[in-house]
Structure formats: C-alpha cells, structure tokens
Amino acid sequence: MSRKTTKTSKPQPRRWSLGLFRNEAGELVTTYVTTAGVPIGILKKQFKGKALFHAVYSDLTYGHARARLVKESKLQDLPVVKKATPKKPVAKKAPAKEEHLVKKAA
C-alpha cells in the first residue's frame, strides 16, 4: 500500500554572488552581481558602476546570504530627511462671546 505524504521542499543552499547598492532614497538594495561587483543583466541600467560592497557565498540560502552580506558590509540605510514644510500663518480667532461681553461691561 502506498501512503500519501506531502513533501515540503526547503530552500536549497546555493552559490550567491551579491552586491549592495543605494537607491535614490538612500536605502540599501541587494542585487546579483558578477564576481567583480558589476550588476548582471538588466540590472546594469538600474544600478550603474560597481557595488558598494560585494561578496560570494556558498552553501547558503538567499536569505542567509543577504543577511550575512549586510552584516559584513557594516553599511546602514541613510536616515530619511524630511523636507521642511512652510508654516501656514495662523488666523486670529474671533473673541469668544463671553470675552466680548466682558469688554462692553468694562
């Protein structure tokens, strides 16, 4: 007799060549790069030049390789700078009814 079992497939460890770049917002972005640190394929248009930090990892899943890359690079996301919004002039409030009555009585 055969028995039905559900086989869960786990991510297989592979060889990853990853690099870190910064986007316009200053956040770190992980991409696939060559061993020289140049982005591959269509990513060349998006990220020009060499990676800020790149490395090759073997026998790791993508998530573990990316986490190790960020940790070893010691790079952090740049703080987001909020644009200063101009302050709106505050309109003067009309005097409350009670204050208005007090002024007339005085």
Protein backbone atom coordinates (compact mmCIF):
# COMPACT_ATOMS: atom_id res chain seq x y z
CA MET A 1 0.00 0.00 0.00
CA SER A 2 1.18 3.43 -0.78
CA ARG A 3 0.77 6.27 1.56
CA LYS A 4 0.20 9.85 0.52
CA THR A 5 2.61 12.24 2.11
CA THR A 6 3.08 15.90 1.49
CA LYS A 7 6.68 16.68 0.83
CA THR A 8 7.73 20.13 1.89
CA SER A 9 10.62 21.44 -0.12
CA LYS A 10 13.07 23.63 1.72
CA PRO A 11 15.22 26.27 0.03
CA GLN A 12 18.34 24.63 -1.30
CA PRO A 13 21.73 26.13 -0.43
CA ARG A 14 23.44 27.57 -3.50
CA ARG A 15 26.25 29.85 -4.53
CA TRP A 16 25.28 33.54 -4.41
CA SER A 17 27.19 36.49 -5.80
CA LEU A 18 25.50 39.52 -4.21
CA GLY A 19 26.25 43.22 -4.06
CA LEU A 20 24.90 46.23 -2.17
CA PHE A 21 23.85 49.47 -3.86
CA ARG A 22 21.95 52.55 -2.70
CA ASN A 23 18.71 53.70 -4.31
CA GLU A 24 17.55 57.33 -4.61
CA ALA A 25 16.02 57.21 -1.14
CA GLY A 26 19.34 56.12 0.39
CA GLU A 27 18.18 52.60 1.24
CA LEU A 28 20.42 49.59 0.70
CA VAL A 29 19.41 47.37 -2.20
CA THR A 30 20.76 43.85 -2.74
CA THR A 31 21.29 42.66 -6.32
CA TYR A 32 23.01 39.87 -8.17
CA VAL A 33 26.47 40.90 -9.34
CA THR A 34 29.44 39.37 -11.10
CA THR A 35 32.47 38.45 -9.05
CA ALA A 36 33.90 41.86 -9.98
CA GLY A 37 30.92 43.65 -8.37
CA VAL A 38 29.19 44.78 -11.59
CA PRO A 39 25.40 44.22 -11.78
CA ILE A 40 24.27 41.50 -14.17
CA GLY A 41 21.75 41.60 -16.99
CA ILE A 42 19.04 44.24 -16.97
CA LEU A 43 20.20 45.49 -13.58
CA LYS A 44 23.10 47.30 -15.30
CA LYS A 45 20.69 50.03 -16.42
CA GLN A 46 19.24 50.42 -12.94
CA PHE A 47 22.50 50.39 -10.96
CA LYS A 48 25.48 51.99 -12.66
CA GLY A 49 29.04 51.35 -11.59
CA LYS A 50 30.33 48.89 -9.05
CA ALA A 51 28.64 47.77 -5.86
CA LEU A 52 29.45 49.48 -2.55
CA PHE A 53 30.18 46.03 -1.15
CA HIS A 54 30.04 42.61 -2.82
CA ALA A 55 30.84 39.05 -1.87
CA VAL A 56 30.27 35.45 -2.96
CA TYR A 57 28.65 32.99 -0.55
CA SER A 58 28.35 29.23 -0.96
CA ASP A 59 26.13 26.67 0.72
CA LEU A 60 23.65 29.29 2.00
CA THR A 61 20.10 30.16 1.15
CA TYR A 62 19.43 33.58 -0.39
CA GLY A 63 18.03 35.00 2.86
CA HIS A 64 21.04 33.89 4.89
CA ALA A 65 23.48 35.11 2.23
CA ARG A 66 21.82 38.54 2.10
CA ALA A 67 21.77 38.87 5.89
CA ARG A 68 25.46 37.94 6.06
CA LEU A 69 26.30 40.43 3.28
CA VAL A 70 24.61 43.31 5.11
CA LYS A 71 26.25 42.33 8.40
CA GLU A 72 29.74 42.06 6.92
CA SER A 73 29.44 45.30 4.96
CA LYS A 74 28.66 47.32 8.11
CA LEU A 75 26.63 49.68 5.90
CA GLN A 76 23.36 51.14 7.12
CA ASP A 77 20.42 52.80 5.44
CA LEU A 78 20.80 56.55 5.32
CA PRO A 79 18.37 58.44 7.56
CA VAL A 80 15.40 59.77 5.66
CA VAL A 81 15.45 63.56 5.66
CA LYS A 82 12.01 65.08 5.68
CA LYS A 83 11.51 68.20 3.63
CA ALA A 84 10.73 71.28 5.68
CA THR A 85 7.16 72.31 5.13
CA PRO A 86 6.45 76.02 5.21
CA LYS A 87 4.43 77.06 8.22
CA LYS A 88 0.96 78.32 7.49
CA PRO A 89 0.04 81.67 9.06
CA VAL A 90 -2.34 81.19 11.93
CA ALA A 91 -5.56 83.11 11.55
CA LYS A 92 -6.57 85.21 14.52
CA LYS A 93 -9.54 83.86 16.39
CA ALA A 94 -12.60 85.97 16.86
CA PRO A 95 -13.11 86.84 20.54
CA ALA A 96 -15.39 84.47 22.36
CA LYS A 97 -18.86 85.72 23.26
CA GLU A 98 -18.02 85.84 26.95
CA GLU A 99 -14.90 87.96 26.36
CA HIS A 100 -16.89 90.28 24.13
CA LEU A 101 -19.49 90.83 26.88
CA VAL A 102 -16.80 91.48 29.47
CA LYS A 103 -15.22 94.19 27.29
CA LYS A 104 -18.58 96.00 26.88
CA ALA A 105 -19.29 95.90 30.61
CA ALA A 106 -15.94 97.38 31.47
